[in-house]
């Protein structure tokens, strides 16, 4: 885990932001009032991770690979209608 993220988590905990709900409630005014204005970028990233259920990935700088989308076997113009004629061709 990056030291900056560790410091952010420690600082949030010391200020009383010890649950996901409390962290998500932090806005710019709350951050400023609690001396967290310098950590606003990290707080926003943590809030996003909480909302997307990826806190562990946030802490460990992990990224899941997205599965590749496979092309459809046939395109619309290649399909046939039930009567044997080709769909989309109106001769």
PDB file of N, CA and C in Angstrom:
ATOM      1  N   UNK A   1       0.851  -1.170   0.000  1.00  0.00           N
ATOM      2  CA  UNK A   1       0.000   0.000   0.000  1.00  0.00           C
ATOM      3  C   UNK A   1       0.900   1.237   0.000  1.00  0.00           C
ATOM      4  N   UNK A   2       0.499   2.217  -0.785  1.00  0.00           N
ATOM      5  CA  UNK A   2       1.256   3.474  -0.820  1.00  0.00           C
ATOM      6  C   UNK A   2       1.195   4.167   0.534  1.00  0.00           C
ATOM      7  N   UNK A   3       2.277   4.817   0.887  1.00  0.00           N
ATOM      8  CA  UNK A   3       2.330   5.537   2.166  1.00  0.00           C
ATOM      9  C   UNK A   3       1.321   6.689   2.198  1.00  0.00           C
ATOM     10  N   UNK A   4       1.057   7.315   1.060  1.00  0.00           N
ATOM     11  CA  UNK A   4       0.094   8.423   1.047  1.00  0.00           C
ATOM     12  C   UNK A   4      -1.309   7.919   1.380  1.00  0.00           C
ATOM     13  N   UNK A   5      -1.654   6.743   0.887  1.00  0.00           N
ATOM     14  CA  UNK A   5      -2.975   6.182   1.195  1.00  0.00           C
ATOM     15  C   UNK A   5      -3.041   5.747   2.655  1.00  0.00           C
ATOM     16  N   UNK A   6      -1.941   5.204   3.165  1.00  0.00           N
ATOM     17  CA  UNK A   6      -1.890   4.815   4.573  1.00  0.00           C
ATOM     18  C   UNK A   6      -2.053   6.039   5.474  1.00  0.00           C
ATOM     19  N   UNK A   7      -1.371   7.127   5.130  1.00  0.00           N
ATOM     20  CA  UNK A   7      -1.497   8.371   5.914  1.00  0.00           C
ATOM     21  C   UNK A   7      -2.923   8.911   5.840  1.00  0.00           C
ATOM     22  N   UNK A   8      -3.536   8.832   4.666  1.00  0.00           N
ATOM     23  CA  UNK A   8      -4.914   9.302   4.509  1.00  0.00           C
ATOM     24  C   UNK A   8      -5.851   8.512   5.421  1.00  0.00           C
ATOM     25  N   UNK A   9      -5.730   7.186   5.387  1.00  0.00           N
ATOM     26  CA  UNK A   9      -6.588   6.335   6.215  1.00  0.00           C
ATOM     27  C   UNK A   9      -6.352   6.630   7.697  1.00  0.00           C
ATOM     28  N   UNK A  10      -5.093   6.758   8.097  1.00  0.00           N
ATOM     29  CA  UNK A  10      -4.771   7.068   9.497  1.00  0.00           C
ATOM     30  C   UNK A  10      -5.355   8.413   9.914  1.00  0.00           C
ATOM     31  N   UNK A  11      -5.198   9.424   9.056  1.00  0.00           N
ATOM     32  CA  UNK A  11      -5.682  10.762   9.388  1.00  0.00           C
ATOM     33  C   UNK A  11      -7.207  10.786   9.471  1.00  0.00           C
ATOM     34  N   UNK A  12      -7.869  10.100   8.550  1.00  0.00           N
ATOM     35  CA  UNK A  12      -9.330  10.039   8.596  1.00  0.00           C
ATOM     36  C   UNK A  12      -9.795   9.360   9.879  1.00  0.00           C
ATOM     37  N   UNK A  13      -9.143   8.263  10.247  1.00  0.00           N
ATOM     38  CA  UNK A  13      -9.508   7.558  11.475  1.00  0.00           C
ATOM     39  C   UNK A  13      -9.321   8.406  12.713  1.00  0.00           C
ATOM     40  N   UNK A  14      -8.223   9.144  12.778  1.00  0.00           N
ATOM     41  CA  UNK A  14      -7.956  10.013  13.934  1.00  0.00           C
ATOM     42  C   UNK A  14      -8.959  11.153  14.041  1.00  0.00           C
ATOM     43  N   UNK A  15      -9.508  11.581  12.883  1.00  0.00           N
ATOM     44  CA  UNK A  15     -10.504  12.656  12.880  1.00  0.00           C
ATOM     45  C   UNK A  15     -11.918  12.130  13.110  1.00  0.00           C
ATOM     46  N   UNK A  16     -12.062  10.811  13.276  1.00  0.00           N
ATOM     47  CA  UNK A  16     -13.373  10.232  13.563  1.00  0.00           C
ATOM     48  C   UNK A  16     -14.096   9.667  12.360  1.00  0.00           C
ATOM     49  N   UNK A  17     -13.486   9.686  11.206  1.00  0.00           N
ATOM     50  CA  UNK A  17     -14.105   9.136   9.998  1.00  0.00           C
ATOM     51  C   UNK A  17     -13.670   7.676   9.878  1.00  0.00           C
ATOM     52  N   UNK A  18     -14.353   6.816  10.657  1.00  0.00           N
ATOM     53  CA  UNK A  18     -13.913   5.435  10.784  1.00  0.00           C
ATOM     54  C   UNK A  18     -14.864   4.418  10.147  1.00  0.00           C
ATOM     55  N   UNK A  19     -15.829   4.890   9.384  1.00  0.00           N
ATOM     56  CA  UNK A  19     -16.714   3.989   8.644  1.00  0.00           C
ATOM     57  C   UNK A  19     -16.880   4.511   7.225  1.00  0.00           C
ATOM     58  N   UNK A  20     -17.316   3.616   6.345  1.00  0.00           N
ATOM     59  CA  UNK A  20     -17.545   4.015   4.961  1.00  0.00           C
ATOM     60  C   UNK A  20     -18.601   5.123   4.874  1.00  0.00           C
ATOM     61  N   UNK A  21     -19.641   5.003   5.696  1.00  0.00           N
ATOM     62  CA  UNK A  21     -20.713   6.002   5.675  1.00  0.00           C
ATOM     63  C   UNK A  21     -20.187   7.384   6.058  1.00  0.00           C
ATOM     64  N   UNK A  22     -19.329   7.443   7.059  1.00  0.00           N
ATOM     65  CA  UNK A  22     -18.760   8.722   7.493  1.00  0.00           C
ATOM     66  C   UNK A  22     -17.828   9.295   6.430  1.00  0.00           C
ATOM     67  N   UNK A  23     -17.038   8.436   5.795  1.00  0.00           N
ATOM     68  CA  UNK A  23     -16.131   8.911   4.745  1.00  0.00           C
ATOM     69  C   UNK A  23     -16.939   9.446   3.559  1.00  0.00           C
ATOM     70  N   UNK A  24     -18.009   8.756   3.192  1.00  0.00           N
ATOM     71  CA  UNK A  24     -18.821   9.204   2.054  1.00  0.00           C
ATOM     72  C   UNK A  24     -19.548  10.515   2.340  1.00  0.00           C
ATOM     73  N   UNK A  25     -19.718  10.858   3.615  1.00  0.00           N
ATOM     74  CA  UNK A  25     -20.401  12.097   3.993  1.00  0.00           C
ATOM     75  C   UNK A  25     -19.471  13.310   3.960  1.00  0.00           C
ATOM     76  N   UNK A  26     -18.193  13.094   3.731  1.00  0.00           N
ATOM     77  CA  UNK A  26     -17.248  14.213   3.706  1.00  0.00           C
ATOM     78  C   UNK A  26     -17.438  15.005   2.414  1.00  0.00           C
ATOM     79  N   UNK A  27     -17.677  16.290   2.556  1.00  0.00           N
ATOM     80  CA  UNK A  27     -17.696  17.187   1.399  1.00  0.00           C
ATOM     81  C   UNK A  27     -16.590  18.225   1.605  1.00  0.00           C
ATOM     82  N   UNK A  28     -16.497  19.174   0.708  1.00  0.00           N
ATOM     83  CA  UNK A  28     -15.391  20.142   0.795  1.00  0.00           C
ATOM     84  C   UNK A  28     -15.422  20.926   2.099  1.00  0.00           C
ATOM     85  N   UNK A  29     -16.595  21.325   2.538  1.00  0.00           N
ATOM     86  CA  UNK A  29     -16.686  22.106   3.775  1.00  0.00           C
ATOM     87  C   UNK A  29     -16.267  21.270   4.982  1.00  0.00           C
ATOM     88  N   UNK A  30     -16.726  20.027   5.032  1.00  0.00           N
ATOM     89  CA  UNK A  30     -16.369  19.141   6.143  1.00  0.00           C
ATOM     90  C   UNK A  30     -14.857  18.883   6.136  1.00  0.00           C
ATOM     91  N   UNK A  31     -14.294  18.665   4.959  1.00  0.00           N
ATOM     92  CA  UNK A  31     -12.852  18.445   4.843  1.00  0.00           C
ATOM     93  C   UNK A  31     -12.092  19.672   5.354  1.00  0.00           C
ATOM     94  N   UNK A  32     -12.526  20.846   4.942  1.00  0.00           N
ATOM     95  CA  UNK A  32     -11.879  22.091   5.372  1.00  0.00           C
ATOM     96  C   UNK A  32     -11.992  22.270   6.884  1.00  0.00           C
ATOM     97  N   UNK A  33     -13.199  22.049   7.413  1.00  0.00           N
ATOM     98  CA  UNK A  33     -13.437  22.218   8.853  1.00  0.00           C
ATOM     99  C   UNK A  33     -12.617  21.240   9.699  1.00  0.00           C
ATOM    100  N   UNK A  34     -12.260  20.103   9.142  1.00  0.00           N
ATOM    101  CA  UNK A  34     -11.514  19.078   9.880  1.00  0.00           C
ATOM    102  C   UNK A  34     -10.038  19.035   9.525  1.00  0.00           C
ATOM    103  N   UNK A  35      -9.558  20.049   8.812  1.00  0.00           N
ATOM    104  CA  UNK A  35      -8.147  20.098   8.462  1.00  0.00           C
ATOM    105  C   UNK A  35      -7.734  19.056   7.435  1.00  0.00           C
ATOM    106  N   UNK A  36      -8.667  18.674   6.583  1.00  0.00           N
ATOM    107  CA  UNK A  36      -8.401  17.641   5.583  1.00  0.00           C
ATOM    108  C   UNK A  36      -8.408  18.190   4.167  1.00  0.00           C
ATOM    109  N   UNK A  37      -8.319  19.488   4.014  1.00  0.00           N
ATOM    110  CA  UNK A  37      -8.402  20.100   2.676  1.00  0.00           C
ATOM    111  C   UNK A  37      -7.296  19.599   1.749  1.00  0.00           C
ATOM    112  N   UNK A  38      -6.104  19.363   2.286  1.00  0.00           N
ATOM    113  CA  UNK A  38      -4.997  18.877   1.455  1.00  0.00           C
ATOM    114  C   UNK A  38      -5.211  17.443   0.980  1.00  0.00           C
ATOM    115  N   UNK A  39      -6.067  16.704   1.665  1.00  0.00           N
ATOM    116  CA  UNK A  39      -6.322  15.311   1.324  1.00  0.00           C
ATOM    117  C   UNK A  39      -7.575  15.131   0.476  1.00  0.00           C
ATOM    118  N   UNK A  40      -8.146  16.223  -0.031  1.00  0.00           N
ATOM    119  CA  UNK A  40      -9.422  16.133  -0.731  1.00  0.00           C
ATOM    120  C   UNK A  40      -9.371  15.197  -1.931  1.00  0.00           C
ATOM    121  N   UNK A  41      -8.292  15.214  -2.690  1.00  0.00           N
ATOM    122  CA  UNK A  41      -8.170  14.317  -3.840  1.00  0.00           C
ATOM    123  C   UNK A  41      -8.197  12.859  -3.420  1.00  0.00           C
ATOM    124  N   UNK A  42      -7.475  12.538  -2.362  1.00  0.00           N
ATOM    125  CA  UNK A  42      -7.477  11.171  -1.846  1.00  0.00           C
ATOM    126  C   UNK A  42      -8.827  10.777  -1.281  1.00  0.00           C
ATOM    127  N   UNK A  43      -9.493  11.717  -0.637  1.00  0.00           N
ATOM    128  CA  UNK A  43     -10.828  11.447  -0.079  1.00  0.00           C
ATOM    129  C   UNK A  43     -11.800  11.145  -1.212  1.00  0.00           C
ATOM    130  N   UNK A  44     -11.759  11.933  -2.272  1.00  0.00           N
ATOM    131  CA  UNK A  44     -12.657  11.696  -3.409  1.00  0.00           C
ATOM    132  C   UNK A  44     -12.399  10.331  -4.042  1.00  0.00           C
ATOM    133  N   UNK A  45     -11.137   9.957  -4.167  1.00  0.00           N
ATOM    134  CA  UNK A  45     -10.795   8.649  -4.732  1.00  0.00           C
ATOM    135  C   UNK A  45     -11.296   7.528  -3.813  1.00  0.00           C
ATOM    136  N   UNK A  46     -11.155   7.700  -2.504  1.00  0.00           N
ATOM    137  CA  UNK A  46     -11.637   6.706  -1.547  1.00  0.00           C
ATOM    138  C   UNK A  46     -13.158   6.614  -1.590  1.00  0.00           C
ATOM    139  N   UNK A  47     -13.837   7.756  -1.680  1.00  0.00           N
ATOM    140  CA  UNK A  47     -15.300   7.742  -1.778  1.00  0.00           C
ATOM    141  C   UNK A  47     -15.755   6.976  -3.018  1.00  0.00           C
ATOM    142  N   UNK A  48     -15.075   7.189  -4.135  1.00  0.00           N
ATOM    143  CA  UNK A  48     -15.419   6.474  -5.367  1.00  0.00           C
ATOM    144  C   UNK A  48     -15.199   4.975  -5.191  1.00  0.00           C
ATOM    145  N   UNK A  49     -14.095   4.601  -4.551  1.00  0.00           N
ATOM    146  CA  UNK A  49     -13.810   3.187  -4.309  1.00  0.00           C
ATOM    147  C   UNK A  49     -14.872   2.553  -3.416  1.00  0.00           C
ATOM    148  N   UNK A  50     -15.327   3.290  -2.423  1.00  0.00           N
ATOM    149  CA  UNK A  50     -16.377   2.783  -1.539  1.00  0.00           C
ATOM    150  C   UNK A  50     -17.656   2.566  -2.325  1.00  0.00           C
ATOM    151  N   UNK A  51     -18.028   3.534  -3.147  1.00  0.00           N
ATOM    152  CA  UNK A  51     -19.277   3.433  -3.919  1.00  0.00           C
ATOM    153  C   UNK A  51     -19.229   2.306  -4.938  1.00  0.00           C
ATOM    154  N   UNK A  52     -18.054   2.004  -5.465  1.00  0.00           N
ATOM    155  CA  UNK A  52     -17.936   0.941  -6.468  1.00  0.00           C
ATOM    156  C   UNK A  52     -17.495  -0.381  -5.848  1.00  0.00           C
ATOM    157  N   UNK A  53     -17.477  -0.444  -4.525  1.00  0.00           N
ATOM    158  CA  UNK A  53     -17.109  -1.656  -3.786  1.00  0.00           C
ATOM    159  C   UNK A  53     -15.724  -2.164  -4.189  1.00  0.00           C
ATOM    160  N   UNK A  54     -14.780  -1.238  -4.294  1.00  0.00           N
ATOM    161  CA  UNK A  54     -13.422  -1.622  -4.683  1.00  0.00           C
ATOM    162  C   UNK A  54     -12.374  -0.993  -3.758  1.00  0.00           C
ATOM    163  N   UNK A  55     -12.651  -0.994  -2.470  1.00  0.00           N
ATOM    164  CA  UNK A  55     -11.743  -0.382  -1.494  1.00  0.00           C
ATOM    165  C   UNK A  55     -10.404  -1.111  -1.469  1.00  0.00           C
ATOM    166  N   UNK A  56     -10.438  -2.437  -1.500  1.00  0.00           N
ATOM    167  CA  UNK A  56      -9.181  -3.187  -1.461  1.00  0.00           C
ATOM    168  C   UNK A  56      -8.328  -2.863  -2.689  1.00  0.00           C
ATOM    169  N   UNK A  57      -8.955  -2.790  -3.852  1.00  0.00           N
ATOM    170  CA  UNK A  57      -8.224  -2.428  -5.075  1.00  0.00           C
ATOM    171  C   UNK A  57      -7.658  -1.016  -4.952  1.00  0.00           C
ATOM    172  N   UNK A  58      -8.414  -0.102  -4.355  1.00  0.00           N
ATOM    173  CA  UNK A  58      -7.930   1.262  -4.134  1.00  0.00           C
ATOM    174  C   UNK A  58      -6.681   1.252  -3.262  1.00  0.00           C
ATOM    175  N   UNK A  59      -6.742   0.513  -2.169  1.00  0.00           N
ATOM    176  CA  UNK A  59      -5.616   0.476  -1.240  1.00  0.00           C
ATOM    177  C   UNK A  59      -4.387  -0.198  -1.842  1.00  0.00           C
ATOM    178  N   UNK A  60      -4.592  -1.202  -2.652  1.00  0.00           N
ATOM    179  CA  UNK A  60      -3.482  -1.986  -3.194  1.00  0.00           C
ATOM    180  C   UNK A  60      -3.105  -1.569  -4.618  1.00  0.00           C
ATOM    181  N   UNK A  61      -3.718  -0.511  -5.138  1.00  0.00           N
ATOM    182  CA  UNK A  61      -3.477  -0.051  -6.510  1.00  0.00           C
ATOM    183  C   UNK A  61      -3.766  -1.143  -7.530  1.00  0.00           C
ATOM    184  N   UNK A  62      -4.746  -1.965  -7.242  1.00  0.00           N
ATOM    185  CA  UNK A  62      -5.100  -3.067  -8.139  1.00  0.00           C
ATOM    186  C   UNK A  62      -6.132  -2.652  -9.163  1.00  0.00           C
ATOM    187  N   UNK A  63      -6.113  -3.344 -10.288  1.00  0.00           N
ATOM    188  CA  UNK A  63      -7.063  -3.091 -11.358  1.00  0.00           C
ATOM    189  C   UNK A  63      -7.492  -4.432 -11.926  1.00  0.00           C
ATOM    190  N   UNK A  64      -8.785  -4.645 -12.012  1.00  0.00           N
ATOM    191  CA  UNK A  64      -9.292  -5.849 -12.651  1.00  0.00           C
ATOM    192  C   UNK A  64      -9.317  -5.631 -14.151  1.00  0.00           C
ATOM    193  N   UNK A  65      -8.914  -6.644 -14.876  1.00  0.00           N
ATOM    194  CA  UNK A  65      -8.988  -6.541 -16.330  1.00  0.00           C
ATOM    195  C   UNK A  65     -10.423  -6.758 -16.753  1.00  0.00           C
ATOM    196  N   UNK A  66     -10.819  -6.042 -17.786  1.00  0.00           N
ATOM    197  CA  UNK A  66     -12.168  -6.183 -18.307  1.00  0.00           C
ATOM    198  C   UNK A  66     -12.168  -7.300 -19.344  1.00  0.00           C
ATOM    199  N   UNK A  67     -13.169  -8.165 -19.301  1.00  0.00           N
ATOM    200  CA  UNK A  67     -13.218  -9.229 -20.298  1.00  0.00           C
ATOM    201  C   UNK A  67     -13.436  -8.644 -21.692  1.00  0.00           C
ATOM    202  N   UNK A  68     -12.831  -9.280 -22.673  1.00  0.00           N
ATOM    203  CA  UNK A  68     -12.985  -8.809 -24.041  1.00  0.00           C
ATOM    204  C   UNK A  68     -14.376  -9.154 -24.540  1.00  0.00           C
ATOM    205  N   UNK A  69     -14.978  -8.227 -25.265  1.00  0.00           N
ATOM    206  CA  UNK A  69     -16.290  -8.488 -25.849  1.00  0.00           C
ATOM    207  C   UNK A  69     -16.089  -9.231 -27.160  1.00  0.00           C
ATOM    208  N   UNK A  70     -16.854 -10.272 -27.336  1.00  0.00           N
ATOM    209  CA  UNK A  70     -16.774 -11.037 -28.567  1.00  0.00           C
ATOM    210  C   UNK A  70     -17.760 -10.465 -29.567  1.00  0.00           C
ATOM    211  N   UNK A  71     -17.375 -10.489 -30.833  1.00  0.00           N
ATOM    212  CA  UNK A  71     -18.273  -9.999 -31.874  1.00  0.00           C
ATOM    213  C   UNK A  71     -19.438 -10.954 -32.009  1.00  0.00           C
ATOM    214  N   UNK A  72     -20.576 -10.409 -32.389  1.00  0.00           N
ATOM    215  CA  UNK A  72     -21.738 -11.244 -32.641  1.00  0.00           C
ATOM    216  C   UNK A  72     -21.417 -12.178 -33.804  1.00  0.00           C
ATOM    217  N   UNK A  73     -21.949 -13.388 -33.746  1.00  0.00           N
ATOM    218  CA  UNK A  73     -21.652 -14.378 -34.781  1.00  0.00           C
ATOM    219  C   UNK A  73     -22.090 -13.901 -36.159  1.00  0.00           C
ATOM    220  N   UNK A  74     -23.214 -13.210 -36.207  1.00  0.00           N
ATOM    221  CA  UNK A  74     -23.712 -12.717 -37.491  1.00  0.00           C
ATOM    222  C   UNK A  74     -24.186 -11.289 -37.311  1.00  0.00           C
ATOM    223  N   UNK A  75     -24.065 -10.517 -38.325  1.00  0.00           N
ATOM    224  CA  UNK A  75     -24.556  -9.148 -38.311  1.00  0.00           C
ATOM    225  C   UNK A  75     -26.019  -9.132 -38.737  1.00  0.00           C
ATOM    226  N   UNK A  76     -26.723  -8.048 -38.462  1.00  0.00           N
ATOM    227  CA  UNK A  76     -28.141  -7.943 -38.792  1.00  0.00           C
ATOM    228  C   UNK A  76     -28.407  -8.215 -40.272  1.00  0.00           C
ATOM    229  N   UNK A  77     -27.553  -7.724 -41.144  1.00  0.00           N
ATOM    230  CA  UNK A  77     -27.817  -7.902 -42.567  1.00  0.00           C
ATOM    231  C   UNK A  77     -27.562  -9.329 -43.029  1.00  0.00           C
ATOM    232  N   UNK A  78     -26.950 -10.157 -42.197  1.00  0.00           N
ATOM    233  CA  UNK A  78     -26.700 -11.548 -42.545  1.00  0.00           C
ATOM    234  C   UNK A  78     -27.818 -12.473 -42.075  1.00  0.00           C
ATOM    235  N   UNK A  79     -28.701 -11.967 -41.198  1.00  0.00           N
ATOM    236  CA  UNK A  79     -29.776 -12.799 -40.662  1.00  0.00           C
ATOM    237  C   UNK A  79     -30.871 -13.005 -41.688  1.00  0.00           C
ATOM    238  N   UNK A  80     -31.545 -14.113 -41.566  1.00  0.00           N
ATOM    239  CA  UNK A  80     -32.675 -14.422 -42.437  1.00  0.00           C
ATOM    240  C   UNK A  80     -33.947 -14.338 -41.625  1.00  0.00           C
ATOM    241  N   UNK A  81     -35.030 -13.970 -42.275  1.00  0.00           N
ATOM    242  CA  UNK A  81     -36.325 -13.948 -41.612  1.00  0.00           C
ATOM    243  C   UNK A  81     -36.913 -15.343 -41.658  1.00  0.00           C
ATOM    244  N   UNK A  82     -38.020 -15.542 -40.995  1.00  0.00           N
ATOM    245  CA  UNK A  82     -38.651 -16.856 -40.931  1.00  0.00           C
ATOM    246  C   UNK A  82     -39.171 -17.348 -42.267  1.00  0.00           C
ATOM    247  N   UNK A  83     -39.404 -16.462 -43.256  1.00  0.00           N
ATOM    248  CA  UNK A  83     -39.962 -16.896 -44.542  1.00  0.00           C
ATOM    249  C   UNK A  83     -38.877 -17.209 -45.564  1.00  0.00           C
ATOM    250  N   UNK A  84     -37.628 -17.236 -45.160  1.00  0.00           N
ATOM    251  CA  UNK A  84     -36.547 -17.577 -46.065  1.00  0.00           C
ATOM    252  C   UNK A  84     -35.927 -16.400 -46.765  1.00  0.00           C
ATOM    253  N   UNK A  85     -36.551 -15.231 -46.686  1.00  0.00           N
ATOM    254  CA  UNK A  85     -35.969 -14.041 -47.303  1.00  0.00           C
ATOM    255  C   UNK A  85     -34.994 -13.396 -46.339  1.00  0.00           C
ATOM    256  N   UNK A  86     -34.097 -12.600 -46.867  1.00  0.00           N
ATOM    257  CA  UNK A  86     -33.116 -11.951 -46.012  1.00  0.00           C
ATOM    258  C   UNK A  86     -33.710 -10.704 -45.388  1.00  0.00           C
ATOM    259  N   UNK A  87     -33.453 -10.520 -44.123  1.00  0.00           N
ATOM    260  CA  UNK A  87     -33.945  -9.335 -43.411  1.00  0.00           C
ATOM    261  C   UNK A  87     -33.150  -8.121 -43.880  1.00  0.00           C
ATOM    262  N   UNK A  88     -33.810  -7.015 -43.986  1.00  0.00           N
ATOM    263  CA  UNK A  88     -33.154  -5.771 -44.321  1.00  0.00           C
ATOM    264  C   UNK A  88     -33.008  -5.531 -45.820  1.00  0.00           C
ATOM    265  N   UNK A  89     -33.263  -6.515 -46.638  1.00  0.00           N
ATOM    266  CA  UNK A  89     -33.187  -6.314 -48.077  1.00  0.00           C
ATOM    267  C   UNK A  89     -34.600  -6.134 -48.627  1.00  0.00           C
ATOM    268  N   UNK A  90     -34.875  -5.006 -49.159  1.00  0.00           N
ATOM    269  CA  UNK A  90     -36.188  -4.754 -49.767  1.00  0.00           C
ATOM    270  C   UNK A  90     -35.975  -4.407 -51.226  1.00  0.00           C
ATOM    271  N   UNK A  91     -35.970  -5.427 -52.054  1.00  0.00           N
ATOM    272  CA  UNK A  91     -35.738  -5.233 -53.483  1.00  0.00           C
ATOM    273  C   UNK A  91     -36.988  -4.916 -54.194  1.00  0.00           C
TER     274      UNK A  91
END
